Protein backbone atom coordinates (compact mmCIF):
# COMPACT_ATOMS: atom_id res chain seq x y z
CA UNK A 1 16.89 -24.85 0.10
CA UNK A 2 19.40 -25.54 2.77
CA UNK A 3 18.89 -24.36 6.35
CA UNK A 4 21.19 -23.94 9.16
CA UNK A 5 19.93 -22.63 12.78
CA UNK A 6 22.19 -21.16 15.19
CA UNK A 7 22.26 -18.68 18.05
CA UNK A 8 24.89 -16.01 17.97
CA UNK A 9 23.01 -13.38 19.97
CA UNK A 10 20.10 -13.55 17.63
CA UNK A 11 18.31 -16.68 16.12
CA UNK A 12 18.27 -16.75 12.42
CA UNK A 13 17.53 -18.91 9.41
CA UNK A 14 19.63 -18.86 6.39
CA UNK A 15 18.67 -19.79 2.97
CA UNK A 16 19.64 -19.93 -0.43
CA UNK A 17 17.86 -18.72 -3.50
CA UNK A 18 19.14 -18.70 -7.02
CA UNK A 19 22.95 -18.63 -5.67
CA UNK A 20 22.31 -15.75 -3.21
CA UNK A 21 22.39 -16.35 0.43
CA UNK A 22 19.76 -14.69 2.43
CA UNK A 23 19.39 -14.49 6.08
CA UNK A 24 16.30 -13.95 8.29
CA UNK A 25 16.65 -12.51 11.77
CA UNK A 26 14.16 -12.55 14.64
CA UNK A 27 13.19 -9.03 15.32
CA UNK A 28 12.18 -9.80 18.83
CA UNK A 29 15.96 -10.29 19.65
CA UNK A 30 17.37 -7.24 18.36
CA UNK A 31 17.14 -4.05 20.20
CA UNK A 32 16.26 -0.89 17.96
CA UNK A 33 19.17 1.19 18.82
CA UNK A 34 21.65 0.70 16.03
CA UNK A 35 19.37 -1.74 14.18
CA UNK A 36 20.79 -1.25 10.76
CA UNK A 37 24.51 -1.23 11.70
CA UNK A 38 23.93 -4.78 13.55
CA UNK A 39 22.09 -6.23 10.59
CA UNK A 40 24.68 -5.15 8.22
CA UNK A 41 27.24 -6.94 10.31
CA UNK A 42 25.47 -9.96 10.70
CA UNK A 43 25.56 -10.24 6.75
CA UNK A 44 29.25 -9.92 6.48
CA UNK A 45 31.80 -12.78 5.51
CA UNK A 46 32.85 -12.98 9.26
CA UNK A 47 29.45 -13.68 10.24
CA UNK A 48 26.47 -15.04 8.11
CA UNK A 49 28.15 -14.09 4.78
CA UNK A 50 24.90 -13.33 3.26
CA UNK A 51 23.96 -11.02 0.48
CA UNK A 52 20.61 -9.70 1.60
CA UNK A 53 18.80 -9.89 5.04
CA UNK A 54 15.51 -9.57 6.75
CA UNK A 55 14.45 -8.80 10.18
CA UNK A 56 11.06 -10.32 10.98
CA UNK A 57 8.68 -9.16 13.59
CA UNK A 58 5.51 -11.14 14.70
CA UNK A 59 1.93 -9.79 13.80
CA UNK A 60 -1.40 -10.33 15.35
CA UNK A 61 -2.91 -11.02 11.82
CA UNK A 62 -2.00 -14.80 10.89
CA UNK A 63 -1.79 -13.91 7.27
CA UNK A 64 0.79 -11.14 7.54
CA UNK A 65 4.21 -10.51 9.07
CA UNK A 66 6.36 -7.33 9.56
CA UNK A 67 9.69 -7.20 7.86
CA UNK A 68 12.62 -4.71 6.96
CA UNK A 69 14.81 -5.94 4.62
CA UNK A 70 18.53 -4.85 4.30
CA UNK A 71 20.88 -4.99 1.37
CA UNK A 72 24.87 -5.98 2.17
CA UNK A 73 26.10 -4.00 -1.08
CA UNK A 74 24.03 -0.72 -0.19
CA UNK A 75 24.19 -1.02 3.56
CA UNK A 76 20.72 0.57 3.74
CA UNK A 77 17.22 -0.74 4.37
CA UNK A 78 15.69 -1.74 1.12
CA UNK A 79 11.96 -1.84 -0.33
CA UNK A 80 12.10 -5.17 -1.93
CA UNK A 81 14.17 -8.07 -2.68
CA UNK A 82 12.56 -11.35 -4.38
CA UNK A 83 15.03 -13.91 -3.16
CA UNK A 84 14.45 -12.72 0.55
CA UNK A 85 10.46 -13.43 -0.11
CA UNK A 86 11.22 -16.97 -1.44
CA UNK A 87 13.15 -17.82 1.75
CA UNK A 88 10.99 -16.35 3.72
CA UNK A 89 7.99 -18.17 1.87
CA UNK A 90 9.85 -21.29 2.13
CA UNK A 91 10.34 -20.98 6.02
CA UNK A 92 7.01 -20.46 6.43
CA UNK A 93 5.77 -23.35 4.40
CA UNK A 94 8.22 -25.88 5.81
CA UNK A 95 7.50 -24.83 9.46
CA UNK A 96 11.05 -23.58 10.25
CA UNK A 97 10.11 -19.76 10.94
CA UNK A 98 7.56 -21.12 13.63
CA UNK A 99 9.69 -23.99 15.11
CA UNK A 100 12.66 -21.27 15.22
CA UNK A 101 11.23 -17.98 16.06
CA UNK A 102 8.45 -18.94 17.98
CA UNK A 103 6.07 -16.96 15.80
CA UNK A 104 4.53 -16.65 12.45
CA UNK A 105 2.29 -18.62 10.27
CA UNK A 106 2.63 -22.30 9.26
CA UNK A 107 2.23 -24.18 6.04
CA UNK A 108 0.55 -23.25 2.73
CA UNK A 109 -1.07 -20.04 2.67
CA UNK A 110 -1.56 -16.69 0.97
CA UNK A 111 0.26 -13.73 3.23
CA UNK A 112 0.96 -10.18 3.08
CA UNK A 113 4.49 -9.21 4.47
CA UNK A 114 4.37 -5.31 5.58
CA UNK A 115 7.69 -3.98 4.39
CA UNK A 116 9.10 -0.62 4.58
CA UNK A 117 8.43 0.04 1.11
CA UNK A 118 4.82 -1.61 0.82
CA UNK A 119 2.81 -4.69 0.81
CA UNK A 120 4.23 -7.69 -0.95
CA UNK A 121 1.80 -10.70 -1.42
CA UNK A 122 3.17 -14.20 -1.09
CA UNK A 123 1.34 -17.27 -2.38
CA UNK A 124 2.83 -20.51 -0.57
CA UNK A 125 1.86 -23.82 -2.17
CA UNK A 126 2.59 -27.20 -1.24
CA UNK A 127 2.19 -29.89 -3.83
CA UNK A 128 3.07 -33.34 -2.43
CA UNK A 129 6.60 -33.03 -1.67
CA UNK A 130 7.14 -29.79 -3.72
CA UNK A 131 6.89 -26.38 -1.61
CA UNK A 132 6.74 -23.44 -4.01
CA UNK A 133 6.53 -19.52 -3.34
CA UNK A 134 5.25 -17.16 -5.74
CA UNK A 135 6.00 -13.22 -5.10
CA UNK A 136 3.76 -10.26 -6.40
CA UNK A 137 6.29 -7.70 -7.43
CA UNK A 138 3.69 -5.24 -8.69
CA UNK A 139 4.57 -2.82 -5.70
CA UNK A 140 8.12 -2.79 -6.83
CA UNK A 141 7.22 -2.00 -10.59
CA UNK A 142 5.20 0.70 -9.25
CA UNK A 143 7.87 2.12 -7.14
CA UNK A 144 10.24 2.05 -10.52
CA UNK A 145 7.48 3.70 -12.62
CA UNK A 146 6.98 6.52 -10.16
CA UNK A 147 10.81 7.05 -10.16
CA UNK A 148 10.91 6.78 -14.04
CA UNK A 149 11.76 4.16 -16.55
CA UNK A 150 13.85 6.00 -19.01
CA UNK A 151 16.65 5.47 -21.72
CA UNK A 152 20.08 6.98 -20.77
CA UNK A 153 23.66 7.40 -22.07
CA UNK A 154 26.62 6.51 -20.04
CA UNK A 155 30.13 7.06 -21.71
CA UNK A 156 28.49 6.63 -24.87
CA UNK A 157 26.90 3.49 -24.13
CA UNK A 158 23.27 3.20 -24.28
CA UNK A 159 21.46 1.88 -21.06
CA UNK A 160 18.09 2.21 -19.12
CA UNK A 161 17.54 3.43 -15.75
CA UNK A 162 14.57 1.80 -14.21
CA UNK A 163 13.86 3.63 -11.03
CA UNK A 164 16.91 3.09 -8.86
CA UNK A 165 18.32 0.35 -11.19
CA UNK A 166 20.97 0.56 -13.93
CA UNK A 167 19.92 -1.80 -16.66
CA UNK A 168 22.71 -2.51 -19.40
CA UNK A 169 22.49 -4.99 -22.26
CA UNK A 170 25.93 -6.73 -22.94
CA UNK A 171 25.36 -6.31 -26.65
CA UNK A 172 26.22 -2.40 -25.95
CA UNK A 173 30.08 -3.53 -25.21
CA UNK A 174 30.31 -7.13 -26.52
CA UNK A 175 32.33 -6.12 -29.75
CA UNK A 176 34.92 -5.38 -27.41
CA UNK A 177 35.30 -8.84 -25.62
CA UNK A 178 34.88 -12.26 -26.51
CA UNK A 179 31.45 -13.80 -24.89
CA UNK A 180 33.37 -15.85 -22.35
CA UNK A 181 35.22 -12.74 -21.00
CA UNK A 182 31.66 -11.40 -20.49
CA UNK A 183 30.14 -14.71 -18.94
CA UNK A 184 32.97 -14.87 -16.57
CA UNK A 185 33.29 -11.16 -15.85
CA UNK A 186 36.53 -10.74 -16.64
CA UNK A 187 39.00 -8.18 -14.93
CA UNK A 188 38.51 -5.90 -18.13
CA UNK A 189 34.91 -6.21 -18.45
CA UNK A 190 34.53 -5.66 -14.53
CA UNK A 191 36.71 -2.52 -15.01
CA UNK A 192 33.94 -1.07 -17.59
CA UNK A 193 30.73 -1.95 -15.73
CA UNK A 194 32.44 -0.40 -12.19
CA UNK A 195 33.09 2.80 -14.68
CA UNK A 196 29.46 2.63 -15.86
CA UNK A 197 27.93 2.42 -12.30
CA UNK A 198 30.27 5.22 -10.88
CA UNK A 199 29.04 7.43 -13.77
CA UNK A 200 25.53 6.34 -13.14
CA UNK A 201 25.73 7.12 -9.49
CA UNK A 202 27.17 10.47 -10.10
CA UNK A 203 24.12 11.43 -12.67
CA UNK A 204 21.61 9.94 -10.53
CA UNK A 205 22.18 10.26 -6.86
CA UNK A 206 18.92 8.91 -5.72
CA UNK A 207 19.90 5.60 -7.49
CA UNK A 208 21.66 2.81 -5.80
CA UNK A 209 23.97 -0.10 -5.97
CA UNK A 210 21.67 -2.16 -8.21
CA UNK A 211 22.90 -3.16 -11.69
CA UNK A 212 21.32 -5.62 -14.02
CA UNK A 213 23.01 -7.11 -17.15
CA UNK A 214 21.23 -8.95 -19.79
CA UNK A 215 21.23 -10.06 -23.14
CA UNK A 216 18.93 -12.11 -25.45
CA UNK A 217 21.22 -14.86 -26.48
CA UNK A 218 19.86 -17.75 -24.88
CA UNK A 219 21.80 -21.15 -24.50
CA UNK A 220 18.61 -23.33 -23.38
CA UNK A 221 15.56 -23.46 -25.74
CA UNK A 222 12.50 -21.80 -24.11
CA UNK A 223 14.54 -19.20 -22.43
CA UNK A 224 14.33 -15.54 -23.50
CA UNK A 225 17.94 -14.28 -22.20
CA UNK A 226 20.62 -14.25 -19.79
CA UNK A 227 21.10 -12.09 -16.67
CA UNK A 228 23.41 -11.51 -14.03
CA UNK A 229 23.51 -8.94 -11.54
CA UNK A 230 26.80 -7.18 -10.59
CA UNK A 231 25.65 -4.92 -7.81
CA UNK A 232 29.05 -3.91 -6.38
CA UNK A 233 31.91 -5.27 -8.25
CA UNK A 234 34.47 -3.30 -6.36
CA UNK A 235 33.61 -5.56 -3.23
CA UNK A 236 32.90 -8.68 -5.11
CA UNK A 237 29.15 -8.95 -4.90
CA UNK A 238 27.58 -10.08 -7.70
CA UNK A 239 24.17 -11.82 -7.59
CA UNK A 240 23.54 -14.90 -10.37
CA UNK A 241 19.86 -14.06 -9.67
CA UNK A 242 17.91 -10.98 -8.66
CA UNK A 243 13.96 -10.91 -8.18
CA UNK A 244 13.87 -6.82 -8.20
CA UNK A 245 16.75 -6.89 -10.82
CA UNK A 246 14.57 -9.20 -13.30
CA UNK A 247 11.29 -6.82 -12.98
CA UNK A 248 13.77 -3.85 -13.56
CA UNK A 249 14.92 -5.58 -17.01
CA UNK A 250 11.28 -6.39 -17.92
CA UNK A 251 10.41 -2.97 -17.65
CA UNK A 252 13.42 -1.98 -19.64
CA UNK A 253 12.66 -4.41 -22.35
CA UNK A 254 9.03 -3.03 -22.55
CA UNK A 255 10.49 0.35 -22.84
CA UNK A 256 12.66 -0.70 -25.52
CA UNK A 257 9.85 -2.55 -27.63
CA UNK A 258 11.47 -6.03 -27.05
CA UNK A 259 8.39 -7.50 -25.00
CA UNK A 260 5.39 -8.32 -27.40
CA UNK A 261 2.65 -8.28 -25.35
CA UNK A 262 -0.02 -8.02 -27.66
CA UNK A 263 -2.50 -10.75 -28.19
CA UNK A 264 -1.57 -12.10 -24.53
CA UNK A 265 -4.84 -11.90 -22.79
CA UNK A 266 -3.97 -13.66 -19.69
CA UNK A 267 -0.38 -12.23 -19.38
CA UNK A 268 3.22 -13.11 -20.57
CA UNK A 269 5.76 -15.62 -18.89
CA UNK A 270 9.61 -14.83 -19.64
CA UNK A 271 12.16 -17.12 -18.44
CA UNK A 272 15.94 -16.00 -18.13
CA UNK A 273 19.07 -18.14 -17.59
CA UNK A 274 21.24 -17.06 -14.71
CA UNK A 275 24.34 -18.46 -13.24
CA UNK A 276 26.35 -21.15 -14.70
CA UNK A 277 29.83 -19.10 -14.45
CA UNK A 278 32.73 -20.83 -12.56
CA UNK A 279 31.70 -18.75 -9.37
CA UNK A 280 28.21 -17.77 -10.11
CA UNK A 281 26.39 -21.05 -9.22
CA UNK A 282 23.45 -22.55 -11.17
CA UNK A 283 22.49 -22.58 -14.01
CA UNK A 284 19.20 -21.45 -12.76
CA UNK A 285 15.93 -20.00 -14.36
CA UNK A 286 14.32 -17.00 -13.29
CA UNK A 287 10.73 -16.82 -14.43
CA UNK A 288 8.75 -13.56 -14.62
CA UNK A 289 4.98 -13.44 -15.33
CA UNK A 290 3.47 -10.07 -16.39
CA UNK A 291 -0.37 -9.70 -16.23
CA UNK A 292 -1.33 -7.39 -18.92
CA UNK A 293 -3.07 -4.30 -17.69
CA UNK A 294 -5.60 -2.93 -20.51
C-alpha cells in the first residue's frame, strides 16, 4: 500500500488495492453543493487518477464513520466497493486517516462504516508488522439477491445478471479467440465485450457499468478461477480486482451449480487469480469466504 498526501483544495489519501487506485477525501473540506461533480472530477487522470473514491465524514462513535463512495466509470454514488474498504481499513490501522484528516479511529479494531447503501463491517487486525483488513460484504450480497440473480442471454451468449452486475464466463466466446487474446483483452475481444454490455444496459436500465468476466482455468494451484472487471472498456476503465465483482461472480457460480457448499459447516473459501496482464498489474489473489446459512 502506497500513500501520498497532498492538499489541492481538499486533503486526500491515495491508496492502491489489487491494482486499483482509490482516493479517500475529507468530507469536512467539501461543500455539499455540486458534491458528486467535484468528487468525480477529483478521480480523473488530470487530478488523482483513481478508479473509485470515498468521501469520509467524522462520527461521534469511535467505531463508525459515515462514507459516500463514488465510481469513476458510473459517475455516480455507489453502494459498495471492496477495494475502498480495504484502503479505508489500512488508513485507519496505520494511523494515516487520523493523522491527515484530524478525525477517525486509530489502530486495530472492528468498525462499521455507514454508507449510502447499508452498514459494512470492517475488521482491522495488526499481527506484528502485518496489517489486515477484512470486509463483510453480506449487505452487498443481499442487495444483489433483492434485485435478482438470474441467467440471461445476450446476442446468443449465456450470462448471469447478478443485480446490477453483468457476469460473463469467458468460455462462452473462447472458441473465437486464443487464450492470450482474452487474457490481454485484445481489440477484437473488447469489441465483443462492449457490444454485450451495451445490450445488457439496454435490456436492464436499472443496471450499471459493473462487468465481471471470469473463467475456471486457474494457472496457479489452490485457486478456483481467474477474474477481470472490464467495467467501461470504451473509456479504458478495467479493474484487475474488484470486491463487489467477486461477490457477484460467487453468486453467479452458486446459481449455476458450480460452487459445492455441501458439507462445509464453517463456510467455503474461494480464491481467484487476478491481474498478471501487461497492463493489469498483479498477479494478485482475491479470496472470498462464504458462510453457509442453513
